[in-house]
């Protein structure tokens, strides 16, 4: 059985479908018994879905908006 460290090292390849049949079986076997790694894989899937949903073109004015929000936050802390 894989260790958690080995599982994490294979996670991206597993999610991208780049593992051999044997490696996929080893990953799935580990996931059956390790709730922490199952949670990690769920988080990785969510992150991938979020990144796919993001616009490819940068949003115009996002830097100015971020600076304005940071400035407002600093004002409220003082």
PDB file of N, CA and C in Angstrom:
ATOM      1  N   UNK A   1       0.848  -1.183   0.000  1.00  0.00           N
ATOM      2  CA  UNK A   1       0.000   0.000   0.000  1.00  0.00           C
ATOM      3  C   UNK A   1       0.894   1.248   0.000  1.00  0.00           C
ATOM      4  N   UNK A   2       0.441   2.271  -0.687  1.00  0.00           N
ATOM      5  CA  UNK A   2       1.187   3.529  -0.740  1.00  0.00           C
ATOM      6  C   UNK A   2       1.154   4.227   0.616  1.00  0.00           C
ATOM      7  N   UNK A   3       2.194   4.989   0.876  1.00  0.00           N
ATOM      8  CA  UNK A   3       2.157   5.875   2.035  1.00  0.00           C
ATOM      9  C   UNK A   3       1.428   7.153   1.618  1.00  0.00           C
ATOM     10  N   UNK A   4       1.037   7.947   2.582  1.00  0.00           N
ATOM     11  CA  UNK A   4       0.367   9.214   2.265  1.00  0.00           C
ATOM     12  C   UNK A   4       1.282  10.118   1.439  1.00  0.00           C
ATOM     13  N   UNK A   5       2.557  10.120   1.754  1.00  0.00           N
ATOM     14  CA  UNK A   5       3.515  10.945   1.016  1.00  0.00           C
ATOM     15  C   UNK A   5       3.583  10.497  -0.447  1.00  0.00           C
ATOM     16  N   UNK A   6       3.603   9.192  -0.684  1.00  0.00           N
ATOM     17  CA  UNK A   6       3.622   8.676  -2.053  1.00  0.00           C
ATOM     18  C   UNK A   6       2.312   9.006  -2.774  1.00  0.00           C
ATOM     19  N   UNK A   7       1.210   8.924  -2.034  1.00  0.00           N
ATOM     20  CA  UNK A   7      -0.100   9.247  -2.598  1.00  0.00           C
ATOM     21  C   UNK A   7      -0.144  10.705  -3.068  1.00  0.00           C
ATOM     22  N   UNK A   8       0.308  11.598  -2.210  1.00  0.00           N
ATOM     23  CA  UNK A   8       0.297  13.025  -2.550  1.00  0.00           C
ATOM     24  C   UNK A   8       1.173  13.282  -3.776  1.00  0.00           C
ATOM     25  N   UNK A   9       2.307  12.611  -3.852  1.00  0.00           N
ATOM     26  CA  UNK A   9       3.210  12.788  -4.993  1.00  0.00           C
ATOM     27  C   UNK A   9       2.555  12.355  -6.311  1.00  0.00           C
ATOM     28  N   UNK A  10       1.623  11.421  -6.247  1.00  0.00           N
ATOM     29  CA  UNK A  10       0.955  10.922  -7.457  1.00  0.00           C
ATOM     30  C   UNK A  10      -0.389  11.611  -7.726  1.00  0.00           C
ATOM     31  N   UNK A  11      -0.834  12.463  -6.850  1.00  0.00           N
ATOM     32  CA  UNK A  11      -2.184  13.019  -6.920  1.00  0.00           C
ATOM     33  C   UNK A  11      -2.475  13.749  -8.225  1.00  0.00           C
ATOM     34  N   UNK A  12      -1.586  14.615  -8.658  1.00  0.00           N
ATOM     35  CA  UNK A  12      -1.829  15.364  -9.900  1.00  0.00           C
ATOM     36  C   UNK A  12      -1.915  14.423 -11.091  1.00  0.00           C
ATOM     37  N   UNK A  13      -0.999  13.485 -11.167  1.00  0.00           N
ATOM     38  CA  UNK A  13      -1.023  12.522 -12.270  1.00  0.00           C
ATOM     39  C   UNK A  13      -2.284  11.662 -12.211  1.00  0.00           C
ATOM     40  N   UNK A  14      -2.715  11.297 -11.023  1.00  0.00           N
ATOM     41  CA  UNK A  14      -3.946  10.523 -10.852  1.00  0.00           C
ATOM     42  C   UNK A  14      -5.147  11.304 -11.382  1.00  0.00           C
ATOM     43  N   UNK A  15      -5.260  12.554 -10.970  1.00  0.00           N
ATOM     44  CA  UNK A  15      -6.396  13.376 -11.394  1.00  0.00           C
ATOM     45  C   UNK A  15      -6.354  13.692 -12.882  1.00  0.00           C
ATOM     46  N   UNK A  16      -5.168  13.750 -13.461  1.00  0.00           N
ATOM     47  CA  UNK A  16      -5.024  14.036 -14.889  1.00  0.00           C
ATOM     48  C   UNK A  16      -5.108  12.771 -15.747  1.00  0.00           C
ATOM     49  N   UNK A  17      -5.281  11.605 -15.098  1.00  0.00           N
ATOM     50  CA  UNK A  17      -5.391  10.347 -15.842  1.00  0.00           C
ATOM     51  C   UNK A  17      -4.086   9.898 -16.465  1.00  0.00           C
ATOM     52  N   UNK A  18      -2.964  10.223 -15.831  1.00  0.00           N
ATOM     53  CA  UNK A  18      -1.660   9.921 -16.409  1.00  0.00           C
ATOM     54  C   UNK A  18      -0.951   8.748 -15.734  1.00  0.00           C
ATOM     55  N   UNK A  19      -1.654   8.018 -14.886  1.00  0.00           N
ATOM     56  CA  UNK A  19      -1.037   6.873 -14.227  1.00  0.00           C
ATOM     57  C   UNK A  19      -1.343   5.586 -14.992  1.00  0.00           C
ATOM     58  N   UNK A  20      -0.463   4.616 -14.834  1.00  0.00           N
ATOM     59  CA  UNK A  20      -0.715   3.303 -15.427  1.00  0.00           C
ATOM     60  C   UNK A  20      -1.863   2.636 -14.664  1.00  0.00           C
ATOM     61  N   UNK A  21      -2.381   1.568 -15.225  1.00  0.00           N
ATOM     62  CA  UNK A  21      -3.468   0.835 -14.577  1.00  0.00           C
ATOM     63  C   UNK A  21      -3.058   0.386 -13.171  1.00  0.00           C
ATOM     64  N   UNK A  22      -1.866  -0.154 -13.054  1.00  0.00           N
ATOM     65  CA  UNK A  22      -1.363  -0.633 -11.758  1.00  0.00           C
ATOM     66  C   UNK A  22      -1.256   0.509 -10.744  1.00  0.00           C
ATOM     67  N   UNK A  23      -0.732   1.648 -11.183  1.00  0.00           N
ATOM     68  CA  UNK A  23      -0.596   2.805 -10.293  1.00  0.00           C
ATOM     69  C   UNK A  23      -1.965   3.330  -9.849  1.00  0.00           C
ATOM     70  N   UNK A  24      -2.929   3.356 -10.787  1.00  0.00           N
ATOM     71  CA  UNK A  24      -4.287   3.789 -10.425  1.00  0.00           C
ATOM     72  C   UNK A  24      -4.886   2.875  -9.370  1.00  0.00           C
ATOM     73  N   UNK A  25      -4.675   1.577  -9.521  1.00  0.00           N
ATOM     74  CA  UNK A  25      -5.175   0.627  -8.518  1.00  0.00           C
ATOM     75  C   UNK A  25      -4.533   0.874  -7.155  1.00  0.00           C
ATOM     76  N   UNK A  26      -3.236   1.146  -7.149  1.00  0.00           N
ATOM     77  CA  UNK A  26      -2.548   1.418  -5.880  1.00  0.00           C
ATOM     78  C   UNK A  26      -3.108   2.677  -5.228  1.00  0.00           C
ATOM     79  N   UNK A  27      -3.354   3.718  -6.028  1.00  0.00           N
ATOM     80  CA  UNK A  27      -3.900   4.974  -5.501  1.00  0.00           C
ATOM     81  C   UNK A  27      -5.299   4.730  -4.947  1.00  0.00           C
ATOM     82  N   UNK A  28      -6.137   4.055  -5.720  1.00  0.00           N
ATOM     83  CA  UNK A  28      -7.509   3.802  -5.269  1.00  0.00           C
ATOM     84  C   UNK A  28      -7.534   2.952  -4.006  1.00  0.00           C
ATOM     85  N   UNK A  29      -6.643   1.981  -3.923  1.00  0.00           N
ATOM     86  CA  UNK A  29      -6.558   1.147  -2.720  1.00  0.00           C
ATOM     87  C   UNK A  29      -6.222   2.009  -1.505  1.00  0.00           C
ATOM     88  N   UNK A  30      -5.253   2.888  -1.665  1.00  0.00           N
ATOM     89  CA  UNK A  30      -4.876   3.781  -0.567  1.00  0.00           C
ATOM     90  C   UNK A  30      -6.052   4.676  -0.180  1.00  0.00           C
ATOM     91  N   UNK A  31      -6.749   5.232  -1.175  1.00  0.00           N
ATOM     92  CA  UNK A  31      -7.864   6.129  -0.896  1.00  0.00           C
ATOM     93  C   UNK A  31      -9.005   5.429  -0.164  1.00  0.00           C
ATOM     94  N   UNK A  32      -9.167   4.142  -0.403  1.00  0.00           N
ATOM     95  CA  UNK A  32     -10.219   3.398   0.298  1.00  0.00           C
ATOM     96  C   UNK A  32     -10.000   3.409   1.813  1.00  0.00           C
ATOM     97  N   UNK A  33      -8.755   3.431   2.233  1.00  0.00           N
ATOM     98  CA  UNK A  33      -8.437   3.301   3.649  1.00  0.00           C
ATOM     99  C   UNK A  33      -7.951   4.579   4.320  1.00  0.00           C
ATOM    100  N   UNK A  34      -7.777   5.648   3.555  1.00  0.00           N
ATOM    101  CA  UNK A  34      -7.192   6.864   4.129  1.00  0.00           C
ATOM    102  C   UNK A  34      -8.126   8.064   3.939  1.00  0.00           C
ATOM    103  N   UNK A  35      -8.868   8.427   4.964  1.00  0.00           N
ATOM    104  CA  UNK A  35      -9.782   9.568   4.838  1.00  0.00           C
ATOM    105  C   UNK A  35      -9.059  10.898   4.595  1.00  0.00           C
ATOM    106  N   UNK A  36      -7.869  11.047   5.129  1.00  0.00           N
ATOM    107  CA  UNK A  36      -7.122  12.296   4.916  1.00  0.00           C
ATOM    108  C   UNK A  36      -6.738  12.471   3.450  1.00  0.00           C
ATOM    109  N   UNK A  37      -6.303  11.413   2.809  1.00  0.00           N
ATOM    110  CA  UNK A  37      -5.942  11.508   1.391  1.00  0.00           C
ATOM    111  C   UNK A  37      -7.189  11.665   0.523  1.00  0.00           C
ATOM    112  N   UNK A  38      -8.309  11.045   0.914  1.00  0.00           N
ATOM    113  CA  UNK A  38      -9.561  11.269   0.178  1.00  0.00           C
ATOM    114  C   UNK A  38      -9.946  12.745   0.233  1.00  0.00           C
ATOM    115  N   UNK A  39      -9.803  13.353   1.412  1.00  0.00           N
ATOM    116  CA  UNK A  39     -10.099  14.773   1.567  1.00  0.00           C
ATOM    117  C   UNK A  39      -9.161  15.604   0.694  1.00  0.00           C
ATOM    118  N   UNK A  40      -7.888  15.237   0.666  1.00  0.00           N
ATOM    119  CA  UNK A  40      -6.907  15.943  -0.148  1.00  0.00           C
ATOM    120  C   UNK A  40      -7.278  15.876  -1.634  1.00  0.00           C
ATOM    121  N   UNK A  41      -7.676  14.697  -2.112  1.00  0.00           N
ATOM    122  CA  UNK A  41      -8.066  14.523  -3.512  1.00  0.00           C
ATOM    123  C   UNK A  41      -9.309  15.360  -3.820  1.00  0.00           C
ATOM    124  N   UNK A  42     -10.277  15.391  -2.901  1.00  0.00           N
ATOM    125  CA  UNK A  42     -11.464  16.231  -3.105  1.00  0.00           C
ATOM    126  C   UNK A  42     -11.076  17.698  -3.228  1.00  0.00           C
ATOM    127  N   UNK A  43     -10.154  18.145  -2.384  1.00  0.00           N
ATOM    128  CA  UNK A  43      -9.692  19.529  -2.442  1.00  0.00           C
ATOM    129  C   UNK A  43      -8.971  19.804  -3.759  1.00  0.00           C
ATOM    130  N   UNK A  44      -8.176  18.853  -4.218  1.00  0.00           N
ATOM    131  CA  UNK A  44      -7.472  19.010  -5.497  1.00  0.00           C
ATOM    132  C   UNK A  44      -8.479  19.107  -6.650  1.00  0.00           C
ATOM    133  N   UNK A  45      -9.516  18.267  -6.613  1.00  0.00           N
ATOM    134  CA  UNK A  45     -10.542  18.319  -7.667  1.00  0.00           C
ATOM    135  C   UNK A  45     -11.253  19.666  -7.659  1.00  0.00           C
ATOM    136  N   UNK A  46     -11.563  20.152  -6.475  1.00  0.00           N
ATOM    137  CA  UNK A  46     -12.220  21.452  -6.356  1.00  0.00           C
ATOM    138  C   UNK A  46     -11.321  22.558  -6.904  1.00  0.00           C
ATOM    139  N   UNK A  47     -10.036  22.491  -6.581  1.00  0.00           N
ATOM    140  CA  UNK A  47      -9.099  23.488  -7.073  1.00  0.00           C
ATOM    141  C   UNK A  47      -9.009  23.446  -8.599  1.00  0.00           C
ATOM    142  N   UNK A  48      -8.947  22.244  -9.175  1.00  0.00           N
ATOM    143  CA  UNK A  48      -8.895  22.119 -10.626  1.00  0.00           C
ATOM    144  C   UNK A  48     -10.154  22.700 -11.268  1.00  0.00           C
ATOM    145  N   UNK A  49     -11.317  22.401 -10.699  1.00  0.00           N
ATOM    146  CA  UNK A  49     -12.579  22.914 -11.242  1.00  0.00           C
ATOM    147  C   UNK A  49     -12.624  24.434 -11.147  1.00  0.00           C
ATOM    148  N   UNK A  50     -12.129  24.975 -10.040  1.00  0.00           N
ATOM    149  CA  UNK A  50     -12.105  26.425  -9.860  1.00  0.00           C
ATOM    150  C   UNK A  50     -11.195  27.076 -10.887  1.00  0.00           C
ATOM    151  N   UNK A  51     -10.035  26.505 -11.094  1.00  0.00           N
ATOM    152  CA  UNK A  51      -9.094  27.057 -12.072  1.00  0.00           C
ATOM    153  C   UNK A  51      -9.657  26.985 -13.488  1.00  0.00           C
ATOM    154  N   UNK A  52     -10.368  25.893 -13.808  1.00  0.00           N
ATOM    155  CA  UNK A  52     -10.975  25.781 -15.145  1.00  0.00           C
ATOM    156  C   UNK A  52     -12.075  26.822 -15.342  1.00  0.00           C
ATOM    157  N   UNK A  53     -12.756  27.184 -14.256  1.00  0.00           N
ATOM    158  CA  UNK A  53     -13.870  28.132 -14.349  1.00  0.00           C
ATOM    159  C   UNK A  53     -13.408  29.580 -14.430  1.00  0.00           C
ATOM    160  N   UNK A  54     -12.160  29.832 -14.103  1.00  0.00           N
ATOM    161  CA  UNK A  54     -11.658  31.203 -14.126  1.00  0.00           C
ATOM    162  C   UNK A  54     -11.496  31.685 -15.566  1.00  0.00           C
ATOM    163  N   UNK A  55     -11.731  32.980 -15.785  1.00  0.00           N
ATOM    164  CA  UNK A  55     -11.536  33.506 -17.136  1.00  0.00           C
ATOM    165  C   UNK A  55     -10.065  33.452 -17.522  1.00  0.00           C
ATOM    166  N   UNK A  56      -9.828  33.198 -18.800  1.00  0.00           N
ATOM    167  CA  UNK A  56      -8.447  33.131 -19.267  1.00  0.00           C
ATOM    168  C   UNK A  56      -7.825  34.507 -19.391  1.00  0.00           C
ATOM    169  N   UNK A  57      -8.620  35.475 -19.775  1.00  0.00           N
ATOM    170  CA  UNK A  57      -8.126  36.839 -19.897  1.00  0.00           C
ATOM    171  C   UNK A  57      -8.160  37.512 -18.532  1.00  0.00           C
ATOM    172  N   UNK A  58      -7.128  38.258 -18.193  1.00  0.00           N
ATOM    173  CA  UNK A  58      -7.142  38.956 -16.904  1.00  0.00           C
ATOM    174  C   UNK A  58      -8.286  39.972 -16.855  1.00  0.00           C
ATOM    175  N   UNK A  59      -8.869  40.097 -15.700  1.00  0.00           N
ATOM    176  CA  UNK A  59      -9.955  41.049 -15.502  1.00  0.00           C
ATOM    177  C   UNK A  59      -9.358  42.451 -15.439  1.00  0.00           C
ATOM    178  N   UNK A  60      -9.908  43.356 -16.227  1.00  0.00           N
ATOM    179  CA  UNK A  60      -9.413  44.724 -16.274  1.00  0.00           C
ATOM    180  C   UNK A  60      -9.700  45.409 -14.944  1.00  0.00           C
ATOM    181  N   UNK A  61      -8.686  46.062 -14.404  1.00  0.00           N
ATOM    182  CA  UNK A  61      -8.859  46.828 -13.182  1.00  0.00           C
ATOM    183  C   UNK A  61      -8.777  46.018 -11.903  1.00  0.00           C
ATOM    184  N   UNK A  62      -8.407  44.747 -11.997  1.00  0.00           N
ATOM    185  CA  UNK A  62      -8.384  43.918 -10.796  1.00  0.00           C
ATOM    186  C   UNK A  62      -7.299  44.383  -9.814  1.00  0.00           C
ATOM    187  N   UNK A  63      -6.183  44.861 -10.326  1.00  0.00           N
ATOM    188  CA  UNK A  63      -5.118  45.334  -9.440  1.00  0.00           C
ATOM    189  C   UNK A  63      -5.561  46.571  -8.662  1.00  0.00           C
ATOM    190  N   UNK A  64      -6.241  47.469  -9.350  1.00  0.00           N
ATOM    191  CA  UNK A  64      -6.730  48.674  -8.675  1.00  0.00           C
ATOM    192  C   UNK A  64      -7.777  48.322  -7.630  1.00  0.00           C
ATOM    193  N   UNK A  65      -8.654  47.376  -7.969  1.00  0.00           N
ATOM    194  CA  UNK A  65      -9.677  46.939  -7.018  1.00  0.00           C
ATOM    195  C   UNK A  65      -9.037  46.307  -5.785  1.00  0.00           C
ATOM    196  N   UNK A  66      -8.041  45.462  -5.995  1.00  0.00           N
ATOM    197  CA  UNK A  66      -7.357  44.815  -4.877  1.00  0.00           C
ATOM    198  C   UNK A  66      -6.689  45.852  -3.983  1.00  0.00           C
ATOM    199  N   UNK A  67      -6.057  46.848  -4.582  1.00  0.00           N
ATOM    200  CA  UNK A  67      -5.397  47.901  -3.797  1.00  0.00           C
ATOM    201  C   UNK A  67      -6.425  48.716  -3.020  1.00  0.00           C
ATOM    202  N   UNK A  68      -7.548  49.039  -3.642  1.00  0.00           N
ATOM    203  CA  UNK A  68      -8.590  49.799  -2.961  1.00  0.00           C
ATOM    204  C   UNK A  68      -9.172  49.018  -1.781  1.00  0.00           C
ATOM    205  N   UNK A  69      -9.406  47.718  -1.973  1.00  0.00           N
ATOM    206  CA  UNK A  69      -9.932  46.888  -0.888  1.00  0.00           C
ATOM    207  C   UNK A  69      -8.920  46.765   0.255  1.00  0.00           C
ATOM    208  N   UNK A  70      -7.649  46.615  -0.087  1.00  0.00           N
ATOM    209  CA  UNK A  70      -6.614  46.536   0.941  1.00  0.00           C
ATOM    210  C   UNK A  70      -6.533  47.841   1.708  1.00  0.00           C
ATOM    211  N   UNK A  71      -6.652  48.958   1.004  1.00  0.00           N
ATOM    212  CA  UNK A  71      -6.620  50.266   1.650  1.00  0.00           C
ATOM    213  C   UNK A  71      -7.807  50.428   2.608  1.00  0.00           C
ATOM    214  N   UNK A  72      -8.983  50.007   2.161  1.00  0.00           N
ATOM    215  CA  UNK A  72     -10.174  50.071   3.024  1.00  0.00           C
ATOM    216  C   UNK A  72     -10.008  49.205   4.265  1.00  0.00           C
ATOM    217  N   UNK A  73      -9.438  48.036   4.075  1.00  0.00           N
ATOM    218  CA  UNK A  73      -9.227  47.132   5.209  1.00  0.00           C
ATOM    219  C   UNK A  73      -8.255  47.742   6.203  1.00  0.00           C
ATOM    220  N   UNK A  74      -7.192  48.379   5.701  1.00  0.00           N
ATOM    221  CA  UNK A  74      -6.238  49.028   6.599  1.00  0.00           C
ATOM    222  C   UNK A  74      -6.897  50.161   7.390  1.00  0.00           C
ATOM    223  N   UNK A  75      -7.768  50.914   6.745  1.00  0.00           N
ATOM    224  CA  UNK A  75      -8.472  52.007   7.414  1.00  0.00           C
ATOM    225  C   UNK A  75      -9.335  51.477   8.559  1.00  0.00           C
ATOM    226  N   UNK A  76     -10.003  50.343   8.328  1.00  0.00           N
ATOM    227  CA  UNK A  76     -10.906  49.784   9.343  1.00  0.00           C
ATOM    228  C   UNK A  76     -10.149  49.185  10.523  1.00  0.00           C
ATOM    229  N   UNK A  77      -8.907  48.750  10.281  1.00  0.00           N
ATOM    230  CA  UNK A  77      -8.106  48.185  11.372  1.00  0.00           C
ATOM    231  C   UNK A  77      -7.584  49.269  12.303  1.00  0.00           C
ATOM    232  N   UNK A  78      -7.343  50.436  11.768  1.00  0.00           N
ATOM    233  CA  UNK A  78      -6.753  51.537  12.574  1.00  0.00           C
ATOM    234  C   UNK A  78      -7.769  52.238  13.421  1.00  0.00           C
TER     235      UNK A  78
END
